[in-house]
């Protein structure tokens, strides 16, 4: 991102000419940003089998196309032994379900650009 710095001085009576310089700001270790998850409530009938949570998830990171991990959590009304989150293992992603906390942790096996399509397989 480029910003412009403008400097001008004043002697109490007159202002000087304005001098400008461009400054390129390089993002360093910005957090990734999630978007695209559908805002509507997902309907699920008890015991009806697996259901895809989102088909539109997008991840962006200003300073890296590489992801290391992700977590998906049943954060409200989680029922131990009844609720389960799963995933389909791929060549690039492994996962672990923690029944005690209701958290599915996904990890990247090989660090290269991972997209939502890798997660949807």
PDB file of N, CA and C in Angstrom:
ATOM      1  N   UNK A   1       0.842  -1.155   0.000  1.00  0.00           N
ATOM      2  CA  UNK A   1       0.000   0.000   0.000  1.00  0.00           C
ATOM      3  C   UNK A   1       0.903   1.238   0.000  1.00  0.00           C
ATOM      4  N   UNK A   2       0.612   2.154  -0.883  1.00  0.00           N
ATOM      5  CA  UNK A   2       1.409   3.375  -0.965  1.00  0.00           C
ATOM      6  C   UNK A   2       0.672   4.522  -0.283  1.00  0.00           C
ATOM      7  N   UNK A   3       1.416   5.260   0.527  1.00  0.00           N
ATOM      8  CA  UNK A   3       0.891   6.462   1.178  1.00  0.00           C
ATOM      9  C   UNK A   3       1.757   7.633   0.757  1.00  0.00           C
ATOM     10  N   UNK A   4       1.177   8.811   0.783  1.00  0.00           N
ATOM     11  CA  UNK A   4       1.924  10.014   0.428  1.00  0.00           C
ATOM     12  C   UNK A   4       2.093  10.878   1.667  1.00  0.00           C
ATOM     13  N   UNK A   5       3.321  11.254   1.950  1.00  0.00           N
ATOM     14  CA  UNK A   5       3.665  12.112   3.070  1.00  0.00           C
ATOM     15  C   UNK A   5       3.910  13.506   2.515  1.00  0.00           C
ATOM     16  N   UNK A   6       3.209  14.500   3.055  1.00  0.00           N
ATOM     17  CA  UNK A   6       3.387  15.885   2.619  1.00  0.00           C
ATOM     18  C   UNK A   6       3.893  16.704   3.797  1.00  0.00           C
ATOM     19  N   UNK A   7       4.984  17.456   3.578  1.00  0.00           N
ATOM     20  CA  UNK A   7       5.576  18.288   4.624  1.00  0.00           C
ATOM     21  C   UNK A   7       5.531  19.739   4.175  1.00  0.00           C
ATOM     22  N   UNK A   8       5.085  20.593   5.084  1.00  0.00           N
ATOM     23  CA  UNK A   8       5.046  22.029   4.819  1.00  0.00           C
ATOM     24  C   UNK A   8       5.340  22.738   6.137  1.00  0.00           C
ATOM     25  N   UNK A   9       6.114  23.807   6.085  1.00  0.00           N
ATOM     26  CA  UNK A   9       6.436  24.567   7.294  1.00  0.00           C
ATOM     27  C   UNK A   9       5.895  25.985   7.164  1.00  0.00           C
ATOM     28  N   UNK A  10       5.801  26.639   8.320  1.00  0.00           N
ATOM     29  CA  UNK A  10       5.273  27.994   8.346  1.00  0.00           C
ATOM     30  C   UNK A  10       6.109  28.794   9.328  1.00  0.00           C
ATOM     31  N   UNK A  11       6.502  30.032   8.948  1.00  0.00           N
ATOM     32  CA  UNK A  11       7.324  30.870   9.825  1.00  0.00           C
ATOM     33  C   UNK A  11       6.485  31.813  10.681  1.00  0.00           C
ATOM     34  N   UNK A  12       5.179  31.585  10.699  1.00  0.00           N
ATOM     35  CA  UNK A  12       4.282  32.441  11.461  1.00  0.00           C
ATOM     36  C   UNK A  12       3.583  33.444  10.555  1.00  0.00           C
ATOM     37  N   UNK A  13       4.127  33.630   9.352  1.00  0.00           N
ATOM     38  CA  UNK A  13       3.516  34.567   8.418  1.00  0.00           C
ATOM     39  C   UNK A  13       3.169  33.875   7.101  1.00  0.00           C
ATOM     40  N   UNK A  14       4.162  33.165   6.576  1.00  0.00           N
ATOM     41  CA  UNK A  14       3.971  32.513   5.276  1.00  0.00           C
ATOM     42  C   UNK A  14       4.273  31.021   5.367  1.00  0.00           C
ATOM     43  N   UNK A  15       3.556  30.291   4.536  1.00  0.00           N
ATOM     44  CA  UNK A  15       3.789  28.850   4.465  1.00  0.00           C
ATOM     45  C   UNK A  15       4.778  28.565   3.343  1.00  0.00           C
ATOM     46  N   UNK A  16       5.583  27.540   3.522  1.00  0.00           N
ATOM     47  CA  UNK A  16       6.545  27.132   2.494  1.00  0.00           C
ATOM     48  C   UNK A  16       5.820  26.362   1.394  1.00  0.00           C
ATOM     49  N   UNK A  17       6.588  26.030   0.387  1.00  0.00           N
ATOM     50  CA  UNK A  17       6.061  25.104  -0.609  1.00  0.00           C
ATOM     51  C   UNK A  17       5.852  23.754   0.063  1.00  0.00           C
ATOM     52  N   UNK A  18       4.975  22.919  -0.488  1.00  0.00           N
ATOM     53  CA  UNK A  18       4.750  21.580   0.043  1.00  0.00           C
ATOM     54  C   UNK A  18       5.685  20.612  -0.660  1.00  0.00           C
ATOM     55  N   UNK A  19       6.286  19.757   0.115  1.00  0.00           N
ATOM     56  CA  UNK A  19       7.168  18.729  -0.427  1.00  0.00           C
ATOM     57  C   UNK A  19       6.547  17.374  -0.108  1.00  0.00           C
ATOM     58  N   UNK A  20       6.492  16.483  -1.100  1.00  0.00           N
ATOM     59  CA  UNK A  20       5.855  15.190  -0.888  1.00  0.00           C
ATOM     60  C   UNK A  20       6.826  14.047  -1.142  1.00  0.00           C
ATOM     61  N   UNK A  21       6.529  12.939  -0.516  1.00  0.00           N
ATOM     62  CA  UNK A  21       7.297  11.730  -0.737  1.00  0.00           C
ATOM     63  C   UNK A  21       6.363  10.538  -0.568  1.00  0.00           C
ATOM     64  N   UNK A  22       6.482   9.590  -1.465  1.00  0.00           N
ATOM     65  CA  UNK A  22       5.675   8.372  -1.365  1.00  0.00           C
ATOM     66  C   UNK A  22       6.342   7.399  -0.403  1.00  0.00           C
ATOM     67  N   UNK A  23       5.507   6.713   0.369  1.00  0.00           N
ATOM     68  CA  UNK A  23       5.983   5.693   1.305  1.00  0.00           C
ATOM     69  C   UNK A  23       5.208   4.417   1.004  1.00  0.00           C
ATOM     70  N   UNK A  24       5.928   3.347   0.706  1.00  0.00           N
ATOM     71  CA  UNK A  24       5.288   2.058   0.486  1.00  0.00           C
ATOM     72  C   UNK A  24       5.269   1.314   1.815  1.00  0.00           C
ATOM     73  N   UNK A  25       4.063   0.991   2.280  1.00  0.00           N
ATOM     74  CA  UNK A  25       3.902   0.261   3.540  1.00  0.00           C
ATOM     75  C   UNK A  25       3.722  -1.213   3.192  1.00  0.00           C
ATOM     76  N   UNK A  26       4.656  -2.024   3.655  1.00  0.00           N
ATOM     77  CA  UNK A  26       4.622  -3.460   3.392  1.00  0.00           C
ATOM     78  C   UNK A  26       3.975  -4.154   4.586  1.00  0.00           C
ATOM     79  N   UNK A  27       2.870  -4.871   4.371  1.00  0.00           N
ATOM     80  CA  UNK A  27       2.251  -5.568   5.498  1.00  0.00           C
ATOM     81  C   UNK A  27       3.182  -6.651   6.042  1.00  0.00           C
ATOM     82  N   UNK A  28       3.244  -6.749   7.353  1.00  0.00           N
ATOM     83  CA  UNK A  28       4.093  -7.741   8.002  1.00  0.00           C
ATOM     84  C   UNK A  28       3.252  -8.521   8.999  1.00  0.00           C
ATOM     85  N   UNK A  29       3.112  -9.808   8.722  1.00  0.00           N
ATOM     86  CA  UNK A  29       2.431 -10.731   9.613  1.00  0.00           C
ATOM     87  C   UNK A  29       1.025 -10.290   9.995  1.00  0.00           C
ATOM     88  N   UNK A  30       0.249  -9.829   8.994  1.00  0.00           N
ATOM     89  CA  UNK A  30      -1.157  -9.518   9.233  1.00  0.00           C
ATOM     90  C   UNK A  30      -1.936 -10.818   9.392  1.00  0.00           C
ATOM     91  N   UNK A  31      -2.942 -10.792  10.205  1.00  0.00           N
ATOM     92  CA  UNK A  31      -3.775 -11.979  10.412  1.00  0.00           C
ATOM     93  C   UNK A  31      -4.598 -12.270   9.159  1.00  0.00           C
ATOM     94  N   UNK A  32      -4.844 -13.537   8.865  1.00  0.00           N
ATOM     95  CA  UNK A  32      -5.723 -13.876   7.743  1.00  0.00           C
ATOM     96  C   UNK A  32      -7.141 -13.366   8.018  1.00  0.00           C
ATOM     97  N   UNK A  33      -7.917 -13.198   6.947  1.00  0.00           N
ATOM     98  CA  UNK A  33      -9.293 -12.717   7.049  1.00  0.00           C
ATOM     99  C   UNK A  33     -10.216 -13.735   6.396  1.00  0.00           C
ATOM    100  N   UNK A  34     -11.267 -14.134   7.105  1.00  0.00           N
ATOM    101  CA  UNK A  34     -12.271 -15.045   6.569  1.00  0.00           C
ATOM    102  C   UNK A  34     -13.442 -14.239   6.025  1.00  0.00           C
ATOM    103  N   UNK A  35     -14.014 -14.710   4.930  1.00  0.00           N
ATOM    104  CA  UNK A  35     -15.216 -14.089   4.389  1.00  0.00           C
ATOM    105  C   UNK A  35     -15.988 -15.117   3.583  1.00  0.00           C
ATOM    106  N   UNK A  36     -17.176 -14.734   3.164  1.00  0.00           N
ATOM    107  CA  UNK A  36     -17.958 -15.557   2.260  1.00  0.00           C
ATOM    108  C   UNK A  36     -18.848 -16.600   2.896  1.00  0.00           C
ATOM    109  N   UNK A  37     -18.757 -16.808   4.228  1.00  0.00           N
ATOM    110  CA  UNK A  37     -19.632 -17.795   4.850  1.00  0.00           C
ATOM    111  C   UNK A  37     -21.064 -17.262   4.777  1.00  0.00           C
ATOM    112  N   UNK A  38     -21.962 -18.105   4.329  1.00  0.00           N
ATOM    113  CA  UNK A  38     -23.345 -17.704   4.155  1.00  0.00           C
ATOM    114  C   UNK A  38     -23.929 -17.185   5.477  1.00  0.00           C
ATOM    115  N   UNK A  39     -24.669 -16.059   5.443  1.00  0.00           N
ATOM    116  CA  UNK A  39     -25.198 -15.474   6.678  1.00  0.00           C
ATOM    117  C   UNK A  39     -26.476 -16.142   7.183  1.00  0.00           C
ATOM    118  N   UNK A  40     -27.089 -16.974   6.365  1.00  0.00           N
ATOM    119  CA  UNK A  40     -28.352 -17.602   6.762  1.00  0.00           C
ATOM    120  C   UNK A  40     -28.098 -18.798   7.675  1.00  0.00           C
ATOM    121  N   UNK A  41     -29.094 -19.144   8.458  1.00  0.00           N
ATOM    122  CA  UNK A  41     -28.998 -20.299   9.346  1.00  0.00           C
ATOM    123  C   UNK A  41     -29.039 -21.580   8.527  1.00  0.00           C
ATOM    124  N   UNK A  42     -28.185 -22.518   8.873  1.00  0.00           N
ATOM    125  CA  UNK A  42     -28.127 -23.813   8.200  1.00  0.00           C
ATOM    126  C   UNK A  42     -29.076 -24.766   8.912  1.00  0.00           C
ATOM    127  N   UNK A  43     -30.066 -25.273   8.195  1.00  0.00           N
ATOM    128  CA  UNK A  43     -31.020 -26.216   8.785  1.00  0.00           C
ATOM    129  C   UNK A  43     -30.425 -27.621   8.765  1.00  0.00           C
ATOM    130  N   UNK A  44     -30.602 -28.346   9.863  1.00  0.00           N
ATOM    131  CA  UNK A  44     -30.105 -29.715   9.950  1.00  0.00           C
ATOM    132  C   UNK A  44     -31.106 -30.557  10.734  1.00  0.00           C
ATOM    133  N   UNK A  45     -31.496 -31.671  10.158  1.00  0.00           N
ATOM    134  CA  UNK A  45     -32.391 -32.604  10.848  1.00  0.00           C
ATOM    135  C   UNK A  45     -31.555 -33.635  11.595  1.00  0.00           C
ATOM    136  N   UNK A  46     -31.840 -33.804  12.853  1.00  0.00           N
ATOM    137  CA  UNK A  46     -31.109 -34.736  13.706  1.00  0.00           C
ATOM    138  C   UNK A  46     -30.994 -36.106  13.050  1.00  0.00           C
ATOM    139  N   UNK A  47     -29.787 -36.681  13.123  1.00  0.00           N
ATOM    140  CA  UNK A  47     -29.468 -38.012  12.597  1.00  0.00           C
ATOM    141  C   UNK A  47     -29.608 -38.141  11.086  1.00  0.00           C
ATOM    142  N   UNK A  48     -29.542 -37.026  10.358  1.00  0.00           N
ATOM    143  CA  UNK A  48     -29.721 -37.102   8.899  1.00  0.00           C
ATOM    144  C   UNK A  48     -28.414 -37.225   8.130  1.00  0.00           C
ATOM    145  N   UNK A  49     -27.299 -37.393   8.807  1.00  0.00           N
ATOM    146  CA  UNK A  49     -26.027 -37.579   8.114  1.00  0.00           C
ATOM    147  C   UNK A  49     -25.261 -36.281   7.945  1.00  0.00           C
ATOM    148  N   UNK A  50     -24.123 -36.399   7.286  1.00  0.00           N
ATOM    149  CA  UNK A  50     -23.221 -35.255   7.118  1.00  0.00           C
ATOM    150  C   UNK A  50     -23.836 -34.175   6.234  1.00  0.00           C
ATOM    151  N   UNK A  51     -23.477 -32.935   6.526  1.00  0.00           N
ATOM    152  CA  UNK A  51     -23.947 -31.792   5.750  1.00  0.00           C
ATOM    153  C   UNK A  51     -22.793 -30.810   5.605  1.00  0.00           C
ATOM    154  N   UNK A  52     -22.620 -30.253   4.417  1.00  0.00           N
ATOM    155  CA  UNK A  52     -21.572 -29.253   4.184  1.00  0.00           C
ATOM    156  C   UNK A  52     -21.954 -27.962   4.899  1.00  0.00           C
ATOM    157  N   UNK A  53     -21.033 -27.427   5.685  1.00  0.00           N
ATOM    158  CA  UNK A  53     -21.297 -26.222   6.468  1.00  0.00           C
ATOM    159  C   UNK A  53     -21.294 -24.971   5.593  1.00  0.00           C
ATOM    160  N   UNK A  54     -20.357 -24.882   4.668  1.00  0.00           N
ATOM    161  CA  UNK A  54     -20.282 -23.731   3.774  1.00  0.00           C
ATOM    162  C   UNK A  54     -19.669 -24.147   2.446  1.00  0.00           C
ATOM    163  N   UNK A  55     -20.145 -23.534   1.386  1.00  0.00           N
ATOM    164  CA  UNK A  55     -19.581 -23.776   0.060  1.00  0.00           C
ATOM    165  C   UNK A  55     -18.904 -22.522  -0.476  1.00  0.00           C
ATOM    166  N   UNK A  56     -18.880 -21.474   0.350  1.00  0.00           N
ATOM    167  CA  UNK A  56     -18.400 -20.181  -0.147  1.00  0.00           C
ATOM    168  C   UNK A  56     -17.278 -19.571   0.674  1.00  0.00           C
ATOM    169  N   UNK A  57     -16.667 -20.324   1.568  1.00  0.00           N
ATOM    170  CA  UNK A  57     -15.613 -19.796   2.425  1.00  0.00           C
ATOM    171  C   UNK A  57     -14.448 -19.263   1.605  1.00  0.00           C
ATOM    172  N   UNK A  58     -13.976 -18.080   1.964  1.00  0.00           N
ATOM    173  CA  UNK A  58     -12.793 -17.499   1.322  1.00  0.00           C
ATOM    174  C   UNK A  58     -11.829 -17.048   2.419  1.00  0.00           C
ATOM    175  N   UNK A  59     -10.547 -17.233   2.174  1.00  0.00           N
ATOM    176  CA  UNK A  59      -9.510 -16.823   3.114  1.00  0.00           C
ATOM    177  C   UNK A  59      -8.541 -15.924   2.378  1.00  0.00           C
ATOM    178  N   UNK A  60      -8.190 -14.802   2.986  1.00  0.00           N
ATOM    179  CA  UNK A  60      -7.212 -13.892   2.395  1.00  0.00           C
ATOM    180  C   UNK A  60      -6.196 -13.502   3.467  1.00  0.00           C
ATOM    181  N   UNK A  61      -4.954 -13.355   3.048  1.00  0.00           N
ATOM    182  CA  UNK A  61      -3.901 -12.903   3.950  1.00  0.00           C
ATOM    183  C   UNK A  61      -3.047 -11.924   3.159  1.00  0.00           C
ATOM    184  N   UNK A  62      -2.954 -10.702   3.649  1.00  0.00           N
ATOM    185  CA  UNK A  62      -2.272  -9.634   2.920  1.00  0.00           C
ATOM    186  C   UNK A  62      -0.806  -9.921   2.646  1.00  0.00           C
ATOM    187  N   UNK A  63      -0.170 -10.720   3.494  1.00  0.00           N
ATOM    188  CA  UNK A  63       1.265 -10.902   3.316  1.00  0.00           C
ATOM    189  C   UNK A  63       1.682 -12.349   3.070  1.00  0.00           C
ATOM    190  N   UNK A  64       0.715 -13.258   2.879  1.00  0.00           N
ATOM    191  CA  UNK A  64       1.093 -14.634   2.594  1.00  0.00           C
ATOM    192  C   UNK A  64      -0.071 -15.393   1.979  1.00  0.00           C
ATOM    193  N   UNK A  65       0.217 -16.215   1.010  1.00  0.00           N
ATOM    194  CA  UNK A  65      -0.798 -17.096   0.429  1.00  0.00           C
ATOM    195  C   UNK A  65      -0.764 -18.458   1.105  1.00  0.00           C
ATOM    196  N   UNK A  66       0.081 -18.621   2.097  1.00  0.00           N
ATOM    197  CA  UNK A  66       0.252 -19.904   2.776  1.00  0.00           C
ATOM    198  C   UNK A  66      -0.528 -19.934   4.079  1.00  0.00           C
ATOM    199  N   UNK A  67      -1.279 -21.002   4.275  1.00  0.00           N
ATOM    200  CA  UNK A  67      -1.997 -21.200   5.529  1.00  0.00           C
ATOM    201  C   UNK A  67      -1.339 -22.348   6.287  1.00  0.00           C
ATOM    202  N   UNK A  68      -1.399 -22.300   7.607  1.00  0.00           N
ATOM    203  CA  UNK A  68      -0.811 -23.358   8.423  1.00  0.00           C
ATOM    204  C   UNK A  68      -1.874 -24.218   9.079  1.00  0.00           C
ATOM    205  N   UNK A  69      -2.965 -23.599   9.546  1.00  0.00           N
ATOM    206  CA  UNK A  69      -3.996 -24.364  10.237  1.00  0.00           C
ATOM    207  C   UNK A  69      -5.293 -23.573  10.285  1.00  0.00           C
ATOM    208  N   UNK A  70      -6.355 -24.269  10.701  1.00  0.00           N
ATOM    209  CA  UNK A  70      -7.668 -23.654  10.900  1.00  0.00           C
ATOM    210  C   UNK A  70      -8.393 -24.440  11.984  1.00  0.00           C
ATOM    211  N   UNK A  71      -9.316 -23.779  12.662  1.00  0.00           N
ATOM    212  CA  UNK A  71     -10.155 -24.482  13.627  1.00  0.00           C
ATOM    213  C   UNK A  71     -11.614 -24.169  13.316  1.00  0.00           C
ATOM    214  N   UNK A  72     -12.442 -25.175  13.503  1.00  0.00           N
ATOM    215  CA  UNK A  72     -13.887 -25.040  13.375  1.00  0.00           C
ATOM    216  C   UNK A  72     -14.452 -25.507  14.708  1.00  0.00           C
ATOM    217  N   UNK A  73     -15.305 -24.682  15.313  1.00  0.00           N
ATOM    218  CA  UNK A  73     -15.761 -24.973  16.672  1.00  0.00           C
ATOM    219  C   UNK A  73     -17.274 -24.884  16.762  1.00  0.00           C
ATOM    220  N   UNK A  74     -17.865 -25.851  17.401  1.00  0.00           N
ATOM    221  CA  UNK A  74     -19.275 -25.762  17.768  1.00  0.00           C
ATOM    222  C   UNK A  74     -19.318 -24.894  19.018  1.00  0.00           C
ATOM    223  N   UNK A  75     -19.642 -23.622  18.862  1.00  0.00           N
ATOM    224  CA  UNK A  75     -19.443 -22.659  19.943  1.00  0.00           C
ATOM    225  C   UNK A  75     -20.671 -22.412  20.818  1.00  0.00           C
ATOM    226  N   UNK A  76     -21.856 -22.789  20.370  1.00  0.00           N
ATOM    227  CA  UNK A  76     -23.062 -22.575  21.171  1.00  0.00           C
ATOM    228  C   UNK A  76     -23.866 -23.879  21.197  1.00  0.00           C
ATOM    229  N   UNK A  77     -24.269 -24.284  22.369  1.00  0.00           N
ATOM    230  CA  UNK A  77     -25.108 -25.473  22.568  1.00  0.00           C
ATOM    231  C   UNK A  77     -24.458 -26.771  22.093  1.00  0.00           C
ATOM    232  N   UNK A  78     -23.149 -26.877  22.210  1.00  0.00           N
ATOM    233  CA  UNK A  78     -22.453 -28.108  21.838  1.00  0.00           C
ATOM    234  C   UNK A  78     -22.863 -29.234  22.774  1.00  0.00           C
ATOM    235  N   UNK A  79     -23.194 -30.391  22.198  1.00  0.00           N
ATOM    236  CA  UNK A  79     -23.596 -31.565  22.966  1.00  0.00           C
ATOM    237  C   UNK A  79     -22.563 -32.672  22.783  1.00  0.00           C
ATOM    238  N   UNK A  80     -21.750 -32.903  23.824  1.00  0.00           N
ATOM    239  CA  UNK A  80     -20.735 -33.953  23.782  1.00  0.00           C
ATOM    240  C   UNK A  80     -21.408 -35.294  23.497  1.00  0.00           C
ATOM    241  N   UNK A  81     -20.837 -36.030  22.538  1.00  0.00           N
ATOM    242  CA  UNK A  81     -21.366 -37.335  22.202  1.00  0.00           C
ATOM    243  C   UNK A  81     -22.495 -37.319  21.179  1.00  0.00           C
ATOM    244  N   UNK A  82     -23.077 -36.150  20.933  1.00  0.00           N
ATOM    245  CA  UNK A  82     -24.141 -36.032  19.932  1.00  0.00           C
ATOM    246  C   UNK A  82     -23.674 -35.277  18.699  1.00  0.00           C
ATOM    247  N   UNK A  83     -22.936 -34.179  18.914  1.00  0.00           N
ATOM    248  CA  UNK A  83     -22.484 -33.329  17.818  1.00  0.00           C
ATOM    249  C   UNK A  83     -21.091 -33.737  17.369  1.00  0.00           C
ATOM    250  N   UNK A  84     -20.882 -33.752  16.054  1.00  0.00           N
ATOM    251  CA  UNK A  84     -19.587 -34.119  15.485  1.00  0.00           C
ATOM    252  C   UNK A  84     -19.313 -33.234  14.280  1.00  0.00           C
ATOM    253  N   UNK A  85     -18.088 -32.753  14.177  1.00  0.00           N
ATOM    254  CA  UNK A  85     -17.628 -32.078  12.971  1.00  0.00           C
ATOM    255  C   UNK A  85     -16.617 -32.992  12.297  1.00  0.00           C
ATOM    256  N   UNK A  86     -16.699 -33.094  10.989  1.00  0.00           N
ATOM    257  CA  UNK A  86     -15.780 -33.951  10.253  1.00  0.00           C
ATOM    258  C   UNK A  86     -15.239 -33.231   9.034  1.00  0.00           C
ATOM    259  N   UNK A  87     -14.368 -33.896   8.327  1.00  0.00           N
ATOM    260  CA  UNK A  87     -13.768 -33.357   7.119  1.00  0.00           C
ATOM    261  C   UNK A  87     -13.329 -34.534   6.265  1.00  0.00           C
ATOM    262  N   UNK A  88     -13.035 -34.246   5.018  1.00  0.00           N
ATOM    263  CA  UNK A  88     -12.506 -35.268   4.120  1.00  0.00           C
ATOM    264  C   UNK A  88     -11.010 -35.041   4.024  1.00  0.00           C
ATOM    265  N   UNK A  89     -10.228 -36.033   4.419  1.00  0.00           N
ATOM    266  CA  UNK A  89      -8.772 -35.924   4.366  1.00  0.00           C
ATOM    267  C   UNK A  89      -8.317 -35.786   2.918  1.00  0.00           C
ATOM    268  N   UNK A  90      -7.346 -34.902   2.709  1.00  0.00           N
ATOM    269  CA  UNK A  90      -6.773 -34.703   1.381  1.00  0.00           C
ATOM    270  C   UNK A  90      -5.259 -34.874   1.472  1.00  0.00           C
ATOM    271  N   UNK A  91      -4.599 -34.765   0.339  1.00  0.00           N
ATOM    272  CA  UNK A  91      -3.136 -34.856   0.323  1.00  0.00           C
ATOM    273  C   UNK A  91      -2.501 -33.678   1.043  1.00  0.00           C
ATOM    274  N   UNK A  92      -3.237 -32.578   1.197  1.00  0.00           N
ATOM    275  CA  UNK A  92      -2.665 -31.369   1.780  1.00  0.00           C
ATOM    276  C   UNK A  92      -3.162 -31.045   3.178  1.00  0.00           C
ATOM    277  N   UNK A  93      -4.283 -31.656   3.603  1.00  0.00           N
ATOM    278  CA  UNK A  93      -4.890 -31.270   4.881  1.00  0.00           C
ATOM    279  C   UNK A  93      -5.166 -32.497   5.744  1.00  0.00           C
ATOM    280  N   UNK A  94      -4.772 -32.409   7.021  1.00  0.00           N
ATOM    281  CA  UNK A  94      -5.125 -33.418   8.012  1.00  0.00           C
ATOM    282  C   UNK A  94      -5.980 -32.745   9.073  1.00  0.00           C
ATOM    283  N   UNK A  95      -6.663 -33.539   9.868  1.00  0.00           N
ATOM    284  CA  UNK A  95      -7.512 -32.946  10.884  1.00  0.00           C
ATOM    285  C   UNK A  95      -7.651 -33.830  12.097  1.00  0.00           C
ATOM    286  N   UNK A  96      -8.124 -33.202  13.177  1.00  0.00           N
ATOM    287  CA  UNK A  96      -8.365 -33.930  14.420  1.00  0.00           C
ATOM    288  C   UNK A  96      -9.588 -33.336  15.101  1.00  0.00           C
ATOM    289  N   UNK A  97     -10.528 -34.210  15.483  1.00  0.00           N
ATOM    290  CA  UNK A  97     -11.738 -33.808  16.182  1.00  0.00           C
ATOM    291  C   UNK A  97     -11.531 -34.011  17.679  1.00  0.00           C
ATOM    292  N   UNK A  98     -11.769 -32.951  18.466  1.00  0.00           N
ATOM    293  CA  UNK A  98     -11.659 -33.030  19.925  1.00  0.00           C
ATOM    294  C   UNK A  98     -13.072 -33.073  20.496  1.00  0.00           C
ATOM    295  N   UNK A  99     -13.520 -34.261  20.877  1.00  0.00           N
ATOM    296  CA  UNK A  99     -14.887 -34.451  21.360  1.00  0.00           C
ATOM    297  C   UNK A  99     -15.141 -33.680  22.653  1.00  0.00           C
ATOM    298  N   UNK A 100     -14.121 -33.475  23.476  1.00  0.00           N
ATOM    299  CA  UNK A 100     -14.295 -32.778  24.750  1.00  0.00           C
ATOM    300  C   UNK A 100     -14.578 -31.287  24.569  1.00  0.00           C
ATOM    301  N   UNK A 101     -13.994 -30.676  23.537  1.00  0.00           N
ATOM    302  CA  UNK A 101     -14.133 -29.230  23.348  1.00  0.00           C
ATOM    303  C   UNK A 101     -15.052 -28.838  22.195  1.00  0.00           C
ATOM    304  N   UNK A 102     -15.349 -29.780  21.299  1.00  0.00           N
ATOM    305  CA  UNK A 102     -16.158 -29.450  20.126  1.00  0.00           C
ATOM    306  C   UNK A 102     -15.382 -28.692  19.076  1.00  0.00           C
ATOM    307  N   UNK A 103     -14.068 -28.948  19.007  1.00  0.00           N
ATOM    308  CA  UNK A 103     -13.203 -28.232  18.062  1.00  0.00           C
ATOM    309  C   UNK A 103     -12.596 -29.205  17.060  1.00  0.00           C
ATOM    310  N   UNK A 104     -12.733 -28.873  15.783  1.00  0.00           N
ATOM    311  CA  UNK A 104     -12.073 -29.594  14.699  1.00  0.00           C
ATOM    312  C   UNK A 104     -10.871 -28.763  14.290  1.00  0.00           C
ATOM    313  N   UNK A 105      -9.673 -29.334  14.399  1.00  0.00           N
ATOM    314  CA  UNK A 105      -8.443 -28.632  14.011  1.00  0.00           C
ATOM    315  C   UNK A 105      -7.947 -29.208  12.700  1.00  0.00           C
ATOM    316  N   UNK A 106      -7.738 -28.333  11.726  1.00  0.00           N
ATOM    317  CA  UNK A 106      -7.211 -28.722  10.415  1.00  0.00           C
ATOM    318  C   UNK A 106      -5.799 -28.192  10.285  1.00  0.00           C
ATOM    319  N   UNK A 107      -4.888 -29.017   9.795  1.00  0.00           N
ATOM    320  CA  UNK A 107      -3.487 -28.615   9.616  1.00  0.00           C
ATOM    321  C   UNK A 107      -3.045 -28.906   8.195  1.00  0.00           C
ATOM    322  N   UNK A 108      -2.177 -28.047   7.707  1.00  0.00           N
ATOM    323  CA  UNK A 108      -1.635 -28.205   6.359  1.00  0.00           C
ATOM    324  C   UNK A 108      -0.416 -29.106   6.423  1.00  0.00           C
ATOM    325  N   UNK A 109      -0.412 -30.160   5.604  1.00  0.00           N
ATOM    326  CA  UNK A 109       0.741 -31.081   5.563  1.00  0.00           C
ATOM    327  C   UNK A 109       1.913 -30.463   4.827  1.00  0.00           C
ATOM    328  N   UNK A 110       1.627 -29.821   3.713  1.00  0.00           N
ATOM    329  CA  UNK A 110       2.654 -29.202   2.879  1.00  0.00           C
ATOM    330  C   UNK A 110       2.258 -27.743   2.704  1.00  0.00           C
ATOM    331  N   UNK A 111       3.167 -26.825   3.019  1.00  0.00           N
ATOM    332  CA  UNK A 111       2.815 -25.403   2.947  1.00  0.00           C
ATOM    333  C   UNK A 111       2.973 -24.874   1.528  1.00  0.00           C
ATOM    334  N   UNK A 112       1.864 -24.767   0.854  1.00  0.00           N
ATOM    335  CA  UNK A 112       1.778 -24.070  -0.417  1.00  0.00           C
ATOM    336  C   UNK A 112       0.432 -23.390  -0.435  1.00  0.00           C
ATOM    337  N   UNK A 113       0.136 -22.569  -1.398  1.00  0.00           N
ATOM    338  CA  UNK A 113      -1.173 -21.897  -1.363  1.00  0.00           C
ATOM    339  C   UNK A 113      -2.323 -22.911  -1.282  1.00  0.00           C
ATOM    340  N   UNK A 114      -3.107 -22.813  -0.231  1.00  0.00           N
ATOM    341  CA  UNK A 114      -4.267 -23.667  -0.022  1.00  0.00           C
ATOM    342  C   UNK A 114      -5.509 -22.807  -0.224  1.00  0.00           C
ATOM    343  N   UNK A 115      -6.436 -23.289  -1.007  1.00  0.00           N
ATOM    344  CA  UNK A 115      -7.669 -22.541  -1.271  1.00  0.00           C
ATOM    345  C   UNK A 115      -8.849 -23.276  -0.682  1.00  0.00           C
ATOM    346  N   UNK A 116     -10.019 -22.650  -0.727  1.00  0.00           N
ATOM    347  CA  UNK A 116     -11.230 -23.289  -0.227  1.00  0.00           C
ATOM    348  C   UNK A 116     -11.519 -24.578  -0.976  1.00  0.00           C
ATOM    349  N   UNK A 117     -11.115 -24.668  -2.237  1.00  0.00           N
ATOM    350  CA  UNK A 117     -11.373 -25.891  -3.012  1.00  0.00           C
ATOM    351  C   UNK A 117     -10.609 -27.079  -2.441  1.00  0.00           C
ATOM    352  N   UNK A 118      -9.452 -26.856  -1.832  1.00  0.00           N
ATOM    353  CA  UNK A 118      -8.728 -27.940  -1.184  1.00  0.00           C
ATOM    354  C   UNK A 118      -9.524 -28.487  -0.002  1.00  0.00           C
ATOM    355  N   UNK A 119     -10.223 -27.604   0.690  1.00  0.00           N
ATOM    356  CA  UNK A 119     -10.978 -27.998   1.870  1.00  0.00           C
ATOM    357  C   UNK A 119     -12.297 -28.679   1.506  1.00  0.00           C
ATOM    358  N   UNK A 120     -12.795 -28.431   0.316  1.00  0.00           N
ATOM    359  CA  UNK A 120     -14.101 -28.946  -0.082  1.00  0.00           C
ATOM    360  C   UNK A 120     -14.036 -30.349  -0.671  1.00  0.00           C
ATOM    361  N   UNK A 121     -12.872 -30.910  -0.853  1.00  0.00           N
ATOM    362  CA  UNK A 121     -12.745 -32.239  -1.472  1.00  0.00           C
ATOM    363  C   UNK A 121     -13.219 -33.327  -0.543  1.00  0.00           C
TER     364      UNK A 121
END
